[in-house]
């Protein structure tokens, strides 16, 4: 959010909420993608579950971006 609003905190609650969703979803996406390539000798991840989580994160990122664009 610092690069989007460098000199001030956003005043709109919807902007703050959308930025929080965007940021948290990006962190979750990064975490889920790391799970897809575990270090050996870790047990293999449940790829179907990881895929569902990645899809959900991508959806949340798109939703937050749409909210920001339409404000």
Protein backbone atom coordinates (compact mmCIF):
# COMPACT_ATOMS: atom_id res chain seq x y z
CA UNK A 1 0.00 0.00 0.00
CA UNK A 2 2.94 2.35 0.49
CA UNK A 3 3.58 2.54 -3.24
CA UNK A 4 -0.10 3.12 -4.02
CA UNK A 5 -0.55 5.83 -1.39
CA UNK A 6 3.00 7.02 -0.64
CA UNK A 7 2.27 10.21 1.27
CA UNK A 8 -0.82 9.39 3.29
CA UNK A 9 -3.04 6.70 4.68
CA UNK A 10 -6.06 6.08 2.49
CA UNK A 11 -9.12 7.74 3.97
CA UNK A 12 -11.72 5.41 2.52
CA UNK A 13 -12.47 2.31 4.58
CA UNK A 14 -13.22 0.44 1.34
CA UNK A 15 -9.75 1.34 0.01
CA UNK A 16 -8.11 0.17 3.24
CA UNK A 17 -10.12 -3.05 3.21
CA UNK A 18 -9.32 -3.72 -0.45
CA UNK A 19 -5.61 -3.09 0.12
CA UNK A 20 -5.60 -5.44 3.12
CA UNK A 21 -7.31 -8.15 1.04
CA UNK A 22 -4.87 -7.61 -1.83
CA UNK A 23 -1.83 -7.78 0.44
CA UNK A 24 -2.96 -10.74 2.52
CA UNK A 25 -4.03 -12.68 -0.57
CA UNK A 26 -0.66 -12.07 -2.23
CA UNK A 27 1.14 -13.41 0.86
CA UNK A 28 -1.20 -16.42 0.97
CA UNK A 29 -0.61 -17.07 -2.74
CA UNK A 30 3.14 -17.03 -2.20
CA UNK A 31 2.82 -19.44 0.72
CA UNK A 32 0.54 -21.84 -1.18
CA UNK A 33 2.86 -21.86 -4.19
CA UNK A 34 5.79 -22.76 -1.93
CA UNK A 35 3.79 -25.73 -0.62
CA UNK A 36 3.57 -27.08 -4.17
CA UNK A 37 7.35 -27.55 -4.23
CA UNK A 38 8.26 -28.90 -0.78
CA UNK A 39 11.83 -29.58 0.22
CA UNK A 40 12.81 -33.21 0.33
CA UNK A 41 12.16 -35.46 2.22
CA UNK A 42 8.88 -33.80 3.16
CA UNK A 43 5.73 -35.74 2.35
CA UNK A 44 4.17 -34.83 -0.99
CA UNK A 45 1.61 -32.04 -0.73
CA UNK A 46 -2.05 -32.57 -1.52
CA UNK A 47 -1.84 -30.97 -4.96
CA UNK A 48 -5.62 -30.75 -5.33
CA UNK A 49 -5.91 -28.82 -2.06
CA UNK A 50 -2.96 -26.56 -2.93
CA UNK A 51 -4.52 -25.89 -6.35
CA UNK A 52 -7.85 -24.95 -4.75
CA UNK A 53 -6.07 -22.59 -2.36
CA UNK A 54 -4.09 -20.98 -5.21
CA UNK A 55 -7.32 -20.46 -7.17
CA UNK A 56 -8.97 -18.88 -4.12
CA UNK A 57 -6.01 -16.56 -3.55
CA UNK A 58 -6.01 -15.52 -7.21
CA UNK A 59 -9.74 -14.83 -7.00
CA UNK A 60 -9.27 -12.71 -3.87
CA UNK A 61 -6.46 -10.75 -5.55
CA UNK A 62 -8.64 -10.09 -8.60
CA UNK A 63 -11.57 -9.09 -6.38
CA UNK A 64 -9.45 -6.63 -4.39
CA UNK A 65 -7.93 -5.18 -7.57
CA UNK A 66 -11.40 -4.72 -9.08
CA UNK A 67 -12.60 -2.97 -5.93
CA UNK A 68 -9.62 -0.59 -6.05
CA UNK A 69 -10.15 0.19 -9.73
CA UNK A 70 -13.86 0.85 -9.32
CA UNK A 71 -13.58 3.12 -6.26
